[in-house]
Amino acid sequence: MVLIKLPWRERKLISDVAKLYCDIAINGEGFDDRIRQFWRISMYVKIGLLSDEDTRTICTAMESFYEVYQNRPAYKDPDGSFRNLGKVIPKLRKLLEDRPAKSEKNG
Protein backbone atom coordinates (compact mmCIF):
# COMPACT_ATOMS: atom_id res chain seq x y z
CA MET A 1 0.00 0.00 0.00
CA VAL A 2 1.34 3.39 -0.91
CA LEU A 3 1.01 5.91 1.91
CA ILE A 4 2.73 8.76 0.09
CA LYS A 5 -0.61 10.61 0.17
CA LEU A 6 -0.05 11.19 3.87
CA PRO A 7 2.21 14.13 4.74
CA TRP A 8 5.66 13.42 6.18
CA ARG A 9 4.68 14.47 9.72
CA GLU A 10 1.77 12.05 9.74
CA ARG A 11 3.94 9.21 8.48
CA LYS A 12 6.49 10.13 11.17
CA LEU A 13 3.74 9.93 13.81
CA ILE A 14 2.77 6.46 12.57
CA SER A 15 6.43 5.49 12.76
CA ASP A 16 6.64 6.78 16.35
CA VAL A 17 3.66 4.66 17.40
CA ALA A 18 5.22 1.62 15.72
CA LYS A 19 8.48 2.26 17.59
CA LEU A 20 6.53 2.51 20.84
CA TYR A 21 4.91 -0.87 20.19
CA CYS A 22 8.29 -2.30 19.23
CA ASP A 23 9.72 -1.12 22.55
CA ILE A 24 6.80 -2.65 24.42
CA ALA A 25 7.30 -5.97 22.61
CA ILE A 26 11.03 -5.92 23.40
CA ASN A 27 10.22 -5.80 27.11
CA GLY A 28 8.17 -9.00 26.82
CA GLU A 29 9.28 -12.50 25.99
CA GLY A 30 8.38 -14.45 22.89
CA PHE A 31 7.37 -11.47 20.79
CA ASP A 32 10.13 -11.70 18.18
CA ASP A 33 7.68 -11.63 15.26
CA ARG A 34 5.91 -8.57 16.65
CA ILE A 35 9.23 -6.80 17.22
CA ARG A 36 10.23 -7.41 13.60
CA GLN A 37 6.81 -6.38 12.31
CA PHE A 38 6.66 -3.09 14.21
CA TRP A 39 10.30 -2.33 13.41
CA ARG A 40 9.55 -2.91 9.71
CA ILE A 41 6.47 -0.68 9.94
CA SER A 42 8.45 2.08 11.66
CA MET A 43 11.03 2.07 8.88
CA TYR A 44 8.90 1.60 5.76
CA VAL A 45 6.08 3.98 6.69
CA LYS A 46 8.53 6.88 6.52
CA ILE A 47 9.13 6.24 2.82
CA GLY A 48 5.42 5.70 2.29
CA LEU A 49 5.26 1.97 1.56
CA LEU A 50 3.52 -0.65 3.69
CA SER A 51 1.91 -3.97 2.98
CA ASP A 52 -1.84 -4.12 3.51
CA GLU A 53 -1.33 -6.42 6.50
CA ASP A 54 1.15 -4.02 8.13
CA THR A 55 -1.19 -1.10 7.47
CA ARG A 56 -4.06 -2.93 9.17
CA THR A 57 -1.80 -3.86 12.08
CA ILE A 58 -0.54 -0.34 12.72
CA CYS A 59 -4.00 1.14 12.28
CA THR A 60 -5.39 -1.20 14.95
CA ALA A 61 -2.40 -0.48 17.20
CA MET A 62 -2.86 3.26 16.77
CA GLU A 63 -6.56 3.04 17.61
CA SER A 64 -5.76 1.07 20.78
CA PHE A 65 -3.04 3.49 21.77
CA TYR A 66 -5.27 6.50 21.09
CA GLU A 67 -7.99 5.05 23.31
CA VAL A 68 -5.51 4.69 26.17
CA TYR A 69 -4.02 8.11 25.40
CA GLN A 70 -7.46 9.75 25.66
CA ASN A 71 -8.70 7.83 28.70
CA ARG A 72 -5.62 8.16 30.90
CA PRO A 73 -5.20 11.76 31.99
CA ALA A 74 -2.15 10.75 34.04
CA TYR A 75 -0.34 9.81 30.83
CA LYS A 76 2.02 12.59 29.88
CA ASP A 77 3.30 13.42 26.43
CA PRO A 78 5.85 16.14 27.17
CA ASP A 79 6.86 16.64 23.55
CA GLY A 80 3.30 16.56 22.26
CA SER A 81 4.36 13.87 19.81
CA PHE A 82 1.01 12.09 19.80
CA ARG A 83 -1.38 15.05 19.92
CA ASN A 84 -2.47 14.67 16.26
CA LEU A 85 -3.11 10.95 16.51
CA GLY A 86 -6.88 11.48 16.40
CA LYS A 87 -6.55 13.19 13.02
CA VAL A 88 -4.17 10.66 11.46
CA ILE A 89 -6.11 7.50 12.33
CA PRO A 90 -9.18 8.38 10.18
CA LYS A 91 -6.93 9.26 7.23
CA LEU A 92 -5.07 5.96 7.51
CA ARG A 93 -8.34 4.05 7.94
CA LYS A 94 -9.76 5.77 4.83
CA LEU A 95 -6.71 4.78 2.77
CA LEU A 96 -7.15 1.23 4.01
CA GLU A 97 -10.87 1.16 3.22
CA ASP A 98 -10.33 2.62 -0.26
CA ARG A 99 -7.75 -0.05 -1.06
CA PRO A 100 -10.08 -3.03 -1.80
CA ALA A 101 -12.35 -0.91 -4.02
CA LYS A 102 -9.42 0.08 -6.23
CA SER A 103 -8.08 -3.45 -6.53
CA GLU A 104 -11.53 -4.79 -7.52
CA LYS A 105 -11.75 -2.28 -10.37
CA ASN A 106 -8.37 -3.36 -11.71
CA GLY A 107 -9.07 -7.08 -11.34
PDB file of N, CA and C in Angstrom:
ATOM      1  N   MET A   1       0.842  -1.159   0.000  1.00  0.00           N
ATOM      2  CA  MET A   1       0.000   0.000   0.000  1.00  0.00           C
ATOM      3  C   MET A   1       0.897   1.234   0.000  1.00  0.00           C
ATOM      4  N   VAL A   2       0.569   2.158  -0.812  1.00  0.00           N
ATOM      5  CA  VAL A   2       1.337   3.389  -0.909  1.00  0.00           C
ATOM      6  C   VAL A   2       0.706   4.430   0.015  1.00  0.00           C
ATOM      7  N   LEU A   3       1.496   4.927   0.938  1.00  0.00           N
ATOM      8  CA  LEU A   3       1.013   5.914   1.906  1.00  0.00           C
ATOM      9  C   LEU A   3       1.592   7.297   1.633  1.00  0.00           C
ATOM     10  N   ILE A   4       2.091   7.492   0.442  1.00  0.00           N
ATOM     11  CA  ILE A   4       2.728   8.755   0.093  1.00  0.00           C
ATOM     12  C   ILE A   4       1.712   9.905   0.128  1.00  0.00           C
ATOM     13  N   LYS A   5       0.425   9.578   0.093  1.00  0.00           N
ATOM     14  CA  LYS A   5      -0.605  10.608   0.169  1.00  0.00           C
ATOM     15  C   LYS A   5      -0.625  11.291   1.532  1.00  0.00           C
ATOM     16  N   LEU A   6      -0.112  10.597   2.542  1.00  0.00           N
ATOM     17  CA  LEU A   6      -0.048  11.192   3.872  1.00  0.00           C
ATOM     18  C   LEU A   6       1.186  12.082   3.965  1.00  0.00           C
ATOM     19  N   PRO A   7       1.044  13.244   4.579  1.00  0.00           N
ATOM     20  CA  PRO A   7       2.205  14.125   4.744  1.00  0.00           C
ATOM     21  C   PRO A   7       3.293  13.473   5.604  1.00  0.00           C
ATOM     22  N   TRP A   8       4.503  13.966   5.470  1.00  0.00           N
ATOM     23  CA  TRP A   8       5.662  13.423   6.180  1.00  0.00           C
ATOM     24  C   TRP A   8       5.419  13.378   7.690  1.00  0.00           C
ATOM     25  N   ARG A   9       4.889  14.434   8.266  1.00  0.00           N
ATOM     26  CA  ARG A   9       4.679  14.473   9.721  1.00  0.00           C
ATOM     27  C   ARG A   9       3.720  13.384  10.177  1.00  0.00           C
ATOM     28  N   GLU A  10       2.722  13.102   9.383  1.00  0.00           N
ATOM     29  CA  GLU A  10       1.771  12.049   9.743  1.00  0.00           C
ATOM     30  C   GLU A  10       2.416  10.670   9.625  1.00  0.00           C
ATOM     31  N   ARG A  11       3.221  10.487   8.598  1.00  0.00           N
ATOM     32  CA  ARG A  11       3.938   9.205   8.477  1.00  0.00           C
ATOM     33  C   ARG A  11       4.926   9.052   9.619  1.00  0.00           C
ATOM     34  N   LYS A  12       5.549  10.142  10.039  1.00  0.00           N
ATOM     35  CA  LYS A  12       6.489  10.128  11.170  1.00  0.00           C
ATOM     36  C   LYS A  12       5.757   9.757  12.453  1.00  0.00           C
ATOM     37  N   LEU A  13       4.550  10.264  12.643  1.00  0.00           N
ATOM     38  CA  LEU A  13       3.740   9.928  13.808  1.00  0.00           C
ATOM     39  C   LEU A  13       3.405   8.436  13.828  1.00  0.00           C
ATOM     40  N   ILE A  14       3.044   7.903  12.676  1.00  0.00           N
ATOM     41  CA  ILE A  14       2.769   6.465  12.574  1.00  0.00           C
ATOM     42  C   ILE A  14       4.024   5.684  12.930  1.00  0.00           C
ATOM     43  N   SER A  15       5.160   6.133  12.455  1.00  0.00           N
ATOM     44  CA  SER A  15       6.434   5.492  12.764  1.00  0.00           C
ATOM     45  C   SER A  15       6.721   5.534  14.264  1.00  0.00           C
ATOM     46  N   ASP A  16       6.426   6.659  14.902  1.00  0.00           N
ATOM     47  CA  ASP A  16       6.644   6.782  16.349  1.00  0.00           C
ATOM     48  C   ASP A  16       5.779   5.800  17.141  1.00  0.00           C
ATOM     49  N   VAL A  17       4.532   5.629  16.723  1.00  0.00           N
ATOM     50  CA  VAL A  17       3.660   4.663  17.396  1.00  0.00           C
ATOM     51  C   VAL A  17       4.192   3.249  17.191  1.00  0.00           C
ATOM     52  N   ALA A  18       4.657   2.942  15.985  1.00  0.00           N
ATOM     53  CA  ALA A  18       5.224   1.616  15.715  1.00  0.00           C
ATOM     54  C   ALA A  18       6.460   1.374  16.572  1.00  0.00           C
ATOM     55  N   LYS A  19       7.301   2.392  16.732  1.00  0.00           N
ATOM     56  CA  LYS A  19       8.484   2.263  17.587  1.00  0.00           C
ATOM     57  C   LYS A  19       8.087   2.021  19.034  1.00  0.00           C
ATOM     58  N   LEU A  20       7.028   2.700  19.485  1.00  0.00           N
ATOM     59  CA  LEU A  20       6.533   2.506  20.841  1.00  0.00           C
ATOM     60  C   LEU A  20       6.098   1.055  21.049  1.00  0.00           C
ATOM     61  N   TYR A  21       5.349   0.518  20.098  1.00  0.00           N
ATOM     62  CA  TYR A  21       4.909  -0.875  20.189  1.00  0.00           C
ATOM     63  C   TYR A  21       6.093  -1.831  20.103  1.00  0.00           C
ATOM     64  N   CYS A  22       7.076  -1.490  19.321  1.00  0.00           N
ATOM     65  CA  CYS A  22       8.290  -2.305  19.227  1.00  0.00           C
ATOM     66  C   CYS A  22       8.992  -2.337  20.583  1.00  0.00           C
ATOM     67  N   ASP A  23       9.106  -1.188  21.233  1.00  0.00           N
ATOM     68  CA  ASP A  23       9.723  -1.115  22.555  1.00  0.00           C
ATOM     69  C   ASP A  23       8.943  -1.930  23.581  1.00  0.00           C
ATOM     70  N   ILE A  24       7.624  -1.879  23.507  1.00  0.00           N
ATOM     71  CA  ILE A  24       6.797  -2.652  24.419  1.00  0.00           C
ATOM     72  C   ILE A  24       7.024  -4.145  24.193  1.00  0.00           C
ATOM     73  N   ALA A  25       7.089  -4.559  22.928  1.00  0.00           N
ATOM     74  CA  ALA A  25       7.303  -5.975  22.607  1.00  0.00           C
ATOM     75  C   ALA A  25       8.691  -6.439  23.045  1.00  0.00           C
ATOM     76  N   ILE A  26       9.674  -5.561  22.982  1.00  0.00           N
ATOM     77  CA  ILE A  26      11.034  -5.923  23.399  1.00  0.00           C
ATOM     78  C   ILE A  26      11.067  -6.256  24.885  1.00  0.00           C
ATOM     79  N   ASN A  27      10.245  -5.570  25.672  1.00  0.00           N
ATOM     80  CA  ASN A  27      10.220  -5.805  27.112  1.00  0.00           C
ATOM     81  C   ASN A  27       9.536  -7.111  27.493  1.00  0.00           C
ATOM     82  N   GLY A  28       8.817  -7.721  26.567  1.00  0.00           N
ATOM     83  CA  GLY A  28       8.171  -9.001  26.825  1.00  0.00           C
ATOM     84  C   GLY A  28       9.012 -10.130  26.268  1.00  0.00           C
ATOM     85  N   GLU A  29       8.570 -11.334  26.524  1.00  0.00           N
ATOM     86  CA  GLU A  29       9.284 -12.499  25.995  1.00  0.00           C
ATOM     87  C   GLU A  29       8.428 -13.182  24.943  1.00  0.00           C
ATOM     88  N   GLY A  30       9.078 -13.702  23.919  1.00  0.00           N
ATOM     89  CA  GLY A  30       8.380 -14.446  22.887  1.00  0.00           C
ATOM     90  C   GLY A  30       7.647 -13.599  21.871  1.00  0.00           C
ATOM     91  N   PHE A  31       8.041 -12.362  21.732  1.00  0.00           N
ATOM     92  CA  PHE A  31       7.374 -11.466  20.789  1.00  0.00           C
ATOM     93  C   PHE A  31       8.283 -11.100  19.622  1.00  0.00           C
ATOM     94  N   ASP A  32       9.166 -12.002  19.237  1.00  0.00           N
ATOM     95  CA  ASP A  32      10.132 -11.704  18.181  1.00  0.00           C
ATOM     96  C   ASP A  32       9.464 -11.299  16.869  1.00  0.00           C
ATOM     97  N   ASP A  33       8.379 -11.980  16.498  1.00  0.00           N
ATOM     98  CA  ASP A  33       7.678 -11.634  15.256  1.00  0.00           C
ATOM     99  C   ASP A  33       7.074 -10.233  15.329  1.00  0.00           C
ATOM    100  N   ARG A  34       6.505  -9.893  16.477  1.00  0.00           N
ATOM    101  CA  ARG A  34       5.907  -8.569  16.648  1.00  0.00           C
ATOM    102  C   ARG A  34       6.983  -7.483  16.616  1.00  0.00           C
ATOM    103  N   ILE A  35       8.126  -7.769  17.235  1.00  0.00           N
ATOM    104  CA  ILE A  35       9.228  -6.803  17.221  1.00  0.00           C
ATOM    105  C   ILE A  35       9.644  -6.515  15.785  1.00  0.00           C
ATOM    106  N   ARG A  36       9.833  -7.583  15.007  1.00  0.00           N
ATOM    107  CA  ARG A  36      10.232  -7.411  13.605  1.00  0.00           C
ATOM    108  C   ARG A  36       9.158  -6.668  12.811  1.00  0.00           C
ATOM    109  N   GLN A  37       7.890  -7.014  13.055  1.00  0.00           N
ATOM    110  CA  GLN A  37       6.812  -6.377  12.306  1.00  0.00           C
ATOM    111  C   GLN A  37       6.731  -4.880  12.603  1.00  0.00           C
ATOM    112  N   PHE A  38       6.762  -4.511  13.873  1.00  0.00           N
ATOM    113  CA  PHE A  38       6.662  -3.092  14.209  1.00  0.00           C
ATOM    114  C   PHE A  38       7.921  -2.331  13.825  1.00  0.00           C
ATOM    115  N   TRP A  39       9.074  -2.980  13.877  1.00  0.00           N
ATOM    116  CA  TRP A  39      10.298  -2.327  13.406  1.00  0.00           C
ATOM    117  C   TRP A  39      10.180  -2.056  11.913  1.00  0.00           C
ATOM    118  N   ARG A  40       9.713  -3.057  11.157  1.00  0.00           N
ATOM    119  CA  ARG A  40       9.546  -2.912   9.705  1.00  0.00           C
ATOM    120  C   ARG A  40       8.556  -1.780   9.406  1.00  0.00           C
ATOM    121  N   ILE A  41       7.459  -1.743  10.141  1.00  0.00           N
ATOM    122  CA  ILE A  41       6.474  -0.679   9.938  1.00  0.00           C
ATOM    123  C   ILE A  41       7.110   0.682  10.202  1.00  0.00           C
ATOM    124  N   SER A  42       7.858   0.784  11.304  1.00  0.00           N
ATOM    125  CA  SER A  42       8.446   2.080  11.662  1.00  0.00           C
ATOM    126  C   SER A  42       9.417   2.582  10.601  1.00  0.00           C
ATOM    127  N   MET A  43      10.074   1.668   9.905  1.00  0.00           N
ATOM    128  CA  MET A  43      11.030   2.067   8.879  1.00  0.00           C
ATOM    129  C   MET A  43      10.343   2.361   7.539  1.00  0.00           C
ATOM    130  N   TYR A  44       9.485   1.469   7.098  1.00  0.00           N
ATOM    131  CA  TYR A  44       8.895   1.596   5.762  1.00  0.00           C
ATOM    132  C   TYR A  44       7.816   2.671   5.665  1.00  0.00           C
ATOM    133  N   VAL A  45       7.128   2.961   6.764  1.00  0.00           N
ATOM    134  CA  VAL A  45       6.078   3.978   6.690  1.00  0.00           C
ATOM    135  C   VAL A  45       6.670   5.350   6.382  1.00  0.00           C
ATOM    136  N   LYS A  46       7.894   5.582   6.785  1.00  0.00           N
ATOM    137  CA  LYS A  46       8.532   6.882   6.517  1.00  0.00           C
ATOM    138  C   LYS A  46       8.716   7.133   5.022  1.00  0.00           C
ATOM    139  N   ILE A  47       8.985   6.060   4.275  1.00  0.00           N
ATOM    140  CA  ILE A  47       9.130   6.242   2.823  1.00  0.00           C
ATOM    141  C   ILE A  47       7.798   6.080   2.102  1.00  0.00           C
ATOM    142  N   GLY A  48       6.754   5.740   2.860  1.00  0.00           N
ATOM    143  CA  GLY A  48       5.416   5.703   2.290  1.00  0.00           C
ATOM    144  C   GLY A  48       4.986   4.378   1.710  1.00  0.00           C
ATOM    145  N   LEU A  49       5.626   3.292   2.087  1.00  0.00           N
ATOM    146  CA  LEU A  49       5.258   1.969   1.562  1.00  0.00           C
ATOM    147  C   LEU A  49       5.012   0.994   2.707  1.00  0.00           C
ATOM    148  N   LEU A  50       3.836   0.391   2.719  1.00  0.00           N
ATOM    149  CA  LEU A  50       3.519  -0.653   3.691  1.00  0.00           C
ATOM    150  C   LEU A  50       2.665  -1.706   3.018  1.00  0.00           C
ATOM    151  N   SER A  51       2.814  -2.934   3.469  1.00  0.00           N
ATOM    152  CA  SER A  51       1.915  -3.974   2.978  1.00  0.00           C
ATOM    153  C   SER A  51       0.532  -3.723   3.583  1.00  0.00           C
ATOM    154  N   ASP A  52      -0.489  -4.299   2.984  1.00  0.00           N
ATOM    155  CA  ASP A  52      -1.843  -4.125   3.507  1.00  0.00           C
ATOM    156  C   ASP A  52      -1.944  -4.677   4.923  1.00  0.00           C
ATOM    157  N   GLU A  53      -1.295  -5.808   5.170  1.00  0.00           N
ATOM    158  CA  GLU A  53      -1.327  -6.422   6.501  1.00  0.00           C
ATOM    159  C   GLU A  53      -0.678  -5.499   7.536  1.00  0.00           C
ATOM    160  N   ASP A  54       0.477  -4.939   7.205  1.00  0.00           N
ATOM    161  CA  ASP A  54       1.153  -4.021   8.127  1.00  0.00           C
ATOM    162  C   ASP A  54       0.324  -2.760   8.352  1.00  0.00           C
ATOM    163  N   THR A  55      -0.347  -2.292   7.331  1.00  0.00           N
ATOM    164  CA  THR A  55      -1.189  -1.104   7.468  1.00  0.00           C
ATOM    165  C   THR A  55      -2.348  -1.388   8.406  1.00  0.00           C
ATOM    166  N   ARG A  56      -2.977  -2.549   8.256  1.00  0.00           N
ATOM    167  CA  ARG A  56      -4.060  -2.926   9.171  1.00  0.00           C
ATOM    168  C   ARG A  56      -3.543  -3.059  10.601  1.00  0.00           C
ATOM    169  N   THR A  57      -2.380  -3.667  10.753  1.00  0.00           N
ATOM    170  CA  THR A  57      -1.795  -3.862  12.083  1.00  0.00           C
ATOM    171  C   THR A  57      -1.523  -2.535  12.772  1.00  0.00           C
ATOM    172  N   ILE A  58      -0.879  -1.613  12.083  1.00  0.00           N
ATOM    173  CA  ILE A  58      -0.538  -0.339  12.718  1.00  0.00           C
ATOM    174  C   ILE A  58      -1.783   0.504  12.950  1.00  0.00           C
ATOM    175  N   CYS A  59      -2.762   0.395  12.092  1.00  0.00           N
ATOM    176  CA  CYS A  59      -4.002   1.145  12.280  1.00  0.00           C
ATOM    177  C   CYS A  59      -4.707   0.664  13.557  1.00  0.00           C
ATOM    178  N   THR A  60      -4.785  -0.639  13.744  1.00  0.00           N
ATOM    179  CA  THR A  60      -5.389  -1.205  14.949  1.00  0.00           C
ATOM    180  C   THR A  60      -4.585  -0.809  16.185  1.00  0.00           C
ATOM    181  N   ALA A  61      -3.259  -0.862  16.084  1.00  0.00           N
ATOM    182  CA  ALA A  61      -2.401  -0.480  17.205  1.00  0.00           C
ATOM    183  C   ALA A  61      -2.586   0.998  17.544  1.00  0.00           C
ATOM    184  N   MET A  62      -2.684   1.835  16.536  1.00  0.00           N
ATOM    185  CA  MET A  62      -2.860   3.264  16.773  1.00  0.00           C
ATOM    186  C   MET A  62      -4.208   3.549  17.430  1.00  0.00           C
ATOM    187  N   GLU A  63      -5.248   2.851  16.994  1.00  0.00           N
ATOM    188  CA  GLU A  63      -6.564   3.035  17.606  1.00  0.00           C
ATOM    189  C   GLU A  63      -6.538   2.632  19.076  1.00  0.00           C
ATOM    190  N   SER A  64      -5.882   1.516  19.392  1.00  0.00           N
ATOM    191  CA  SER A  64      -5.764   1.069  20.783  1.00  0.00           C
ATOM    192  C   SER A  64      -4.971   2.073  21.614  1.00  0.00           C
ATOM    193  N   PHE A  65      -3.867   2.517  21.058  1.00  0.00           N
ATOM    194  CA  PHE A  65      -3.040   3.491  21.771  1.00  0.00           C
ATOM    195  C   PHE A  65      -3.793   4.796  21.989  1.00  0.00           C
ATOM    196  N   TYR A  66      -4.528   5.252  20.989  1.00  0.00           N
ATOM    197  CA  TYR A  66      -5.272   6.501  21.093  1.00  0.00           C
ATOM    198  C   TYR A  66      -6.339   6.405  22.178  1.00  0.00           C
ATOM    199  N   GLU A  67      -6.984   5.261  22.270  1.00  0.00           N
ATOM    200  CA  GLU A  67      -7.993   5.047  23.306  1.00  0.00           C
ATOM    201  C   GLU A  67      -7.370   5.197  24.698  1.00  0.00           C
ATOM    202  N   VAL A  68      -6.218   4.578  24.889  1.00  0.00           N
ATOM    203  CA  VAL A  68      -5.511   4.691  26.168  1.00  0.00           C
ATOM    204  C   VAL A  68      -5.043   6.127  26.379  1.00  0.00           C
ATOM    205  N   TYR A  69      -4.528   6.735  25.344  1.00  0.00           N
ATOM    206  CA  TYR A  69      -4.020   8.107  25.403  1.00  0.00           C
ATOM    207  C   TYR A  69      -5.126   9.077  25.833  1.00  0.00           C
ATOM    208  N   GLN A  70      -6.332   8.875  25.333  1.00  0.00           N
ATOM    209  CA  GLN A  70      -7.462   9.752  25.661  1.00  0.00           C
ATOM    210  C   GLN A  70      -8.047   9.474  27.039  1.00  0.00           C
ATOM    211  N   ASN A  71      -8.042   8.218  27.453  1.00  0.00           N
ATOM    212  CA  ASN A  71      -8.702   7.825  28.696  1.00  0.00           C
ATOM    213  C   ASN A  71      -7.808   7.869  29.923  1.00  0.00           C
ATOM    214  N   ARG A  72      -6.547   8.138  29.760  1.00  0.00           N
ATOM    215  CA  ARG A  72      -5.621   8.163  30.895  1.00  0.00           C
ATOM    216  C   ARG A  72      -5.043   9.567  31.059  1.00  0.00           C
ATOM    217  N   PRO A  73      -5.710  10.393  31.832  1.00  0.00           N
ATOM    218  CA  PRO A  73      -5.199  11.764  31.988  1.00  0.00           C
ATOM    219  C   PRO A  73      -3.831  11.812  32.660  1.00  0.00           C
ATOM    220  N   ALA A  74      -3.448  10.764  33.375  1.00  0.00           N
ATOM    221  CA  ALA A  74      -2.147  10.749  34.036  1.00  0.00           C
ATOM    222  C   ALA A  74      -1.010  10.540  33.031  1.00  0.00           C
ATOM    223  N   TYR A  75      -1.360  10.025  31.846  1.00  0.00           N
ATOM    224  CA  TYR A  75      -0.339   9.812  30.828  1.00  0.00           C
ATOM    225  C   TYR A  75       0.168  11.164  30.342  1.00  0.00           C
ATOM    226  N   LYS A  76       1.432  11.317  30.295  1.00  0.00           N
ATOM    227  CA  LYS A  76       2.019  12.588  29.875  1.00  0.00           C
ATOM    228  C   LYS A  76       2.764  12.416  28.558  1.00  0.00           C
ATOM    229  N   ASP A  77       2.600  13.374  27.711  1.00  0.00           N
ATOM    230  CA  ASP A  77       3.297  13.422  26.432  1.00  0.00           C
ATOM    231  C   ASP A  77       4.022  14.762  26.384  1.00  0.00           C
ATOM    232  N   PRO A  78       5.190  14.835  27.033  1.00  0.00           N
ATOM    233  CA  PRO A  78       5.852  16.139  27.175  1.00  0.00           C
ATOM    234  C   PRO A  78       6.203  16.826  25.854  1.00  0.00           C
ATOM    235  N   ASP A  79       6.506  16.043  24.844  1.00  0.00           N
ATOM    236  CA  ASP A  79       6.863  16.637  23.552  1.00  0.00           C
ATOM    237  C   ASP A  79       5.639  16.930  22.693  1.00  0.00           C
ATOM    238  N   GLY A  80       4.497  16.404  23.080  1.00  0.00           N
ATOM    239  CA  GLY A  80       3.299  16.562  22.262  1.00  0.00           C
ATOM    240  C   GLY A  80       3.360  15.743  20.990  1.00  0.00           C
ATOM    241  N   SER A  81       4.149  14.683  21.003  1.00  0.00           N
ATOM    242  CA  SER A  81       4.358  13.868  19.807  1.00  0.00           C
ATOM    243  C   SER A  81       3.091  13.203  19.294  1.00  0.00           C
ATOM    244  N   PHE A  82       2.190  12.860  20.194  1.00  0.00           N
ATOM    245  CA  PHE A  82       1.013  12.087  19.802  1.00  0.00           C
ATOM    246  C   PHE A  82      -0.275  12.907  19.764  1.00  0.00           C
ATOM    247  N   ARG A  83      -0.176  14.225  19.829  1.00  0.00           N
ATOM    248  CA  ARG A  83      -1.379  15.050  19.922  1.00  0.00           C
ATOM    249  C   ARG A  83      -2.253  14.995  18.670  1.00  0.00           C
ATOM    250  N   ASN A  84      -1.691  14.717  17.501  1.00  0.00           N
ATOM    251  CA  ASN A  84      -2.474  14.674  16.257  1.00  0.00           C
ATOM    252  C   ASN A  84      -2.914  13.267  15.878  1.00  0.00           C
ATOM    253  N   LEU A  85      -2.774  12.349  16.790  1.00  0.00           N
ATOM    254  CA  LEU A  85      -3.112  10.954  16.506  1.00  0.00           C
ATOM    255  C   LEU A  85      -4.574  10.797  16.088  1.00  0.00           C
ATOM    256  N   GLY A  86      -5.458  11.547  16.732  1.00  0.00           N
ATOM    257  CA  GLY A  86      -6.880  11.475  16.402  1.00  0.00           C
ATOM    258  C   GLY A  86      -7.202  11.939  14.988  1.00  0.00           C
ATOM    259  N   LYS A  87      -6.335  12.721  14.397  1.00  0.00           N
ATOM    260  CA  LYS A  87      -6.547  13.191  13.022  1.00  0.00           C
ATOM    261  C   LYS A  87      -5.936  12.232  11.995  1.00  0.00           C
ATOM    262  N   VAL A  88      -4.875  11.550  12.381  1.00  0.00           N
ATOM    263  CA  VAL A  88      -4.169  10.662  11.455  1.00  0.00           C
ATOM    264  C   VAL A  88      -4.889   9.328  11.297  1.00  0.00           C
ATOM    265  N   ILE A  89      -5.454   8.813  12.373  1.00  0.00           N
ATOM    266  CA  ILE A  89      -6.110   7.499  12.329  1.00  0.00           C
ATOM    267  C   ILE A  89      -7.216   7.458  11.273  1.00  0.00           C
ATOM    268  N   PRO A  90      -8.141   8.431  11.226  1.00  0.00           N
ATOM    269  CA  PRO A  90      -9.176   8.378  10.182  1.00  0.00           C
ATOM    270  C   PRO A  90      -8.612   8.429   8.756  1.00  0.00           C
ATOM    271  N   LYS A  91      -7.543   9.192   8.565  1.00  0.00           N
ATOM    272  CA  LYS A  91      -6.930   9.260   7.228  1.00  0.00           C
ATOM    273  C   LYS A  91      -6.340   7.905   6.838  1.00  0.00           C
ATOM    274  N   LEU A  92      -5.655   7.278   7.775  1.00  0.00           N
ATOM    275  CA  LEU A  92      -5.070   5.965   7.515  1.00  0.00           C
ATOM    276  C   LEU A  92      -6.166   4.927   7.287  1.00  0.00           C
ATOM    277  N   ARG A  93      -7.214   4.981   8.081  1.00  0.00           N
ATOM    278  CA  ARG A  93      -8.344   4.050   7.940  1.00  0.00           C
ATOM    279  C   ARG A  93      -9.003   4.243   6.576  1.00  0.00           C
ATOM    280  N   LYS A  94      -9.152   5.496   6.136  1.00  0.00           N
ATOM    281  CA  LYS A  94      -9.764   5.770   4.826  1.00  0.00           C
ATOM    282  C   LYS A  94      -8.910   5.187   3.704  1.00  0.00           C
ATOM    283  N   LEU A  95      -7.594   5.364   3.774  1.00  0.00           N
ATOM    284  CA  LEU A  95      -6.714   4.778   2.766  1.00  0.00           C
ATOM    285  C   LEU A  95      -6.864   3.260   2.742  1.00  0.00           C
ATOM    286  N   LEU A  96      -7.007   2.678   3.897  1.00  0.00           N
ATOM    287  CA  LEU A  96      -7.152   1.233   4.008  1.00  0.00           C
ATOM    288  C   LEU A  96      -8.493   0.768   3.450  1.00  0.00           C
ATOM    289  N   GLU A  97      -9.551   1.525   3.720  1.00  0.00           N
ATOM    290  CA  GLU A  97     -10.874   1.163   3.219  1.00  0.00           C
ATOM    291  C   GLU A  97     -10.984   1.365   1.714  1.00  0.00           C
ATOM    292  N   ASP A  98     -10.297   2.355   1.177  1.00  0.00           N
ATOM    293  CA  ASP A  98     -10.330   2.621  -0.262  1.00  0.00           C
ATOM    294  C   ASP A  98      -9.552   1.573  -1.045  1.00  0.00           C
ATOM    295  N   ARG A  99      -8.640   0.907  -0.405  1.00  0.00           N
ATOM    296  CA  ARG A  99      -7.752  -0.051  -1.064  1.00  0.00           C
ATOM    297  C   ARG A  99      -8.491  -1.196  -1.765  1.00  0.00           C
ATOM    298  N   PRO A 100      -9.405  -1.919  -1.106  1.00  0.00           N
ATOM    299  CA  PRO A 100     -10.076  -3.026  -1.796  1.00  0.00           C
ATOM    300  C   PRO A 100     -10.901  -2.579  -3.000  1.00  0.00           C
ATOM    301  N   ALA A 101     -11.526  -1.414  -2.912  1.00  0.00           N
ATOM    302  CA  ALA A 101     -12.349  -0.914  -4.017  1.00  0.00           C
ATOM    303  C   ALA A 101     -11.485  -0.686  -5.269  1.00  0.00           C
ATOM    304  N   LYS A 102     -10.293  -0.169  -5.084  1.00  0.00           N
ATOM    305  CA  LYS A 102      -9.418   0.082  -6.225  1.00  0.00           C
ATOM    306  C   LYS A 102      -8.910  -1.211  -6.830  1.00  0.00           C
ATOM    307  N   SER A 103      -8.600  -2.196  -6.000  1.00  0.00           N
ATOM    308  CA  SER A 103      -8.081  -3.452  -6.532  1.00  0.00           C
ATOM    309  C   SER A 103      -9.164  -4.244  -7.257  1.00  0.00           C
ATOM    310  N   GLU A 104     -10.453  -4.099  -6.831  1.00  0.00           N
ATOM    311  CA  GLU A 104     -11.534  -4.786  -7.519  1.00  0.00           C
ATOM    312  C   GLU A 104     -11.748  -4.219  -8.922  1.00  0.00           C
ATOM    313  N   LYS A 105     -11.583  -2.904  -9.072  1.00  0.00           N
ATOM    314  CA  LYS A 105     -11.752  -2.278 -10.372  1.00  0.00           C
ATOM    315  C   LYS A 105     -10.677  -2.749 -11.346  1.00  0.00           C
ATOM    316  N   ASN A 106      -9.464  -2.949 -10.846  1.00  0.00           N
ATOM    317  CA  ASN A 106      -8.374  -3.361 -11.707  1.00  0.00           C
ATOM    318  C   ASN A 106      -8.405  -4.849 -12.020  1.00  0.00           C
ATOM    319  N   GLY A 107      -9.095  -5.625 -11.175  1.00  0.00           N
ATOM    320  CA  GLY A 107      -9.070  -7.079 -11.336  1.00  0.00           C
ATOM    321  C   GLY A 107     -10.137  -7.602 -12.137  1.00  0.00           C
TER     322      GLY A 107
END
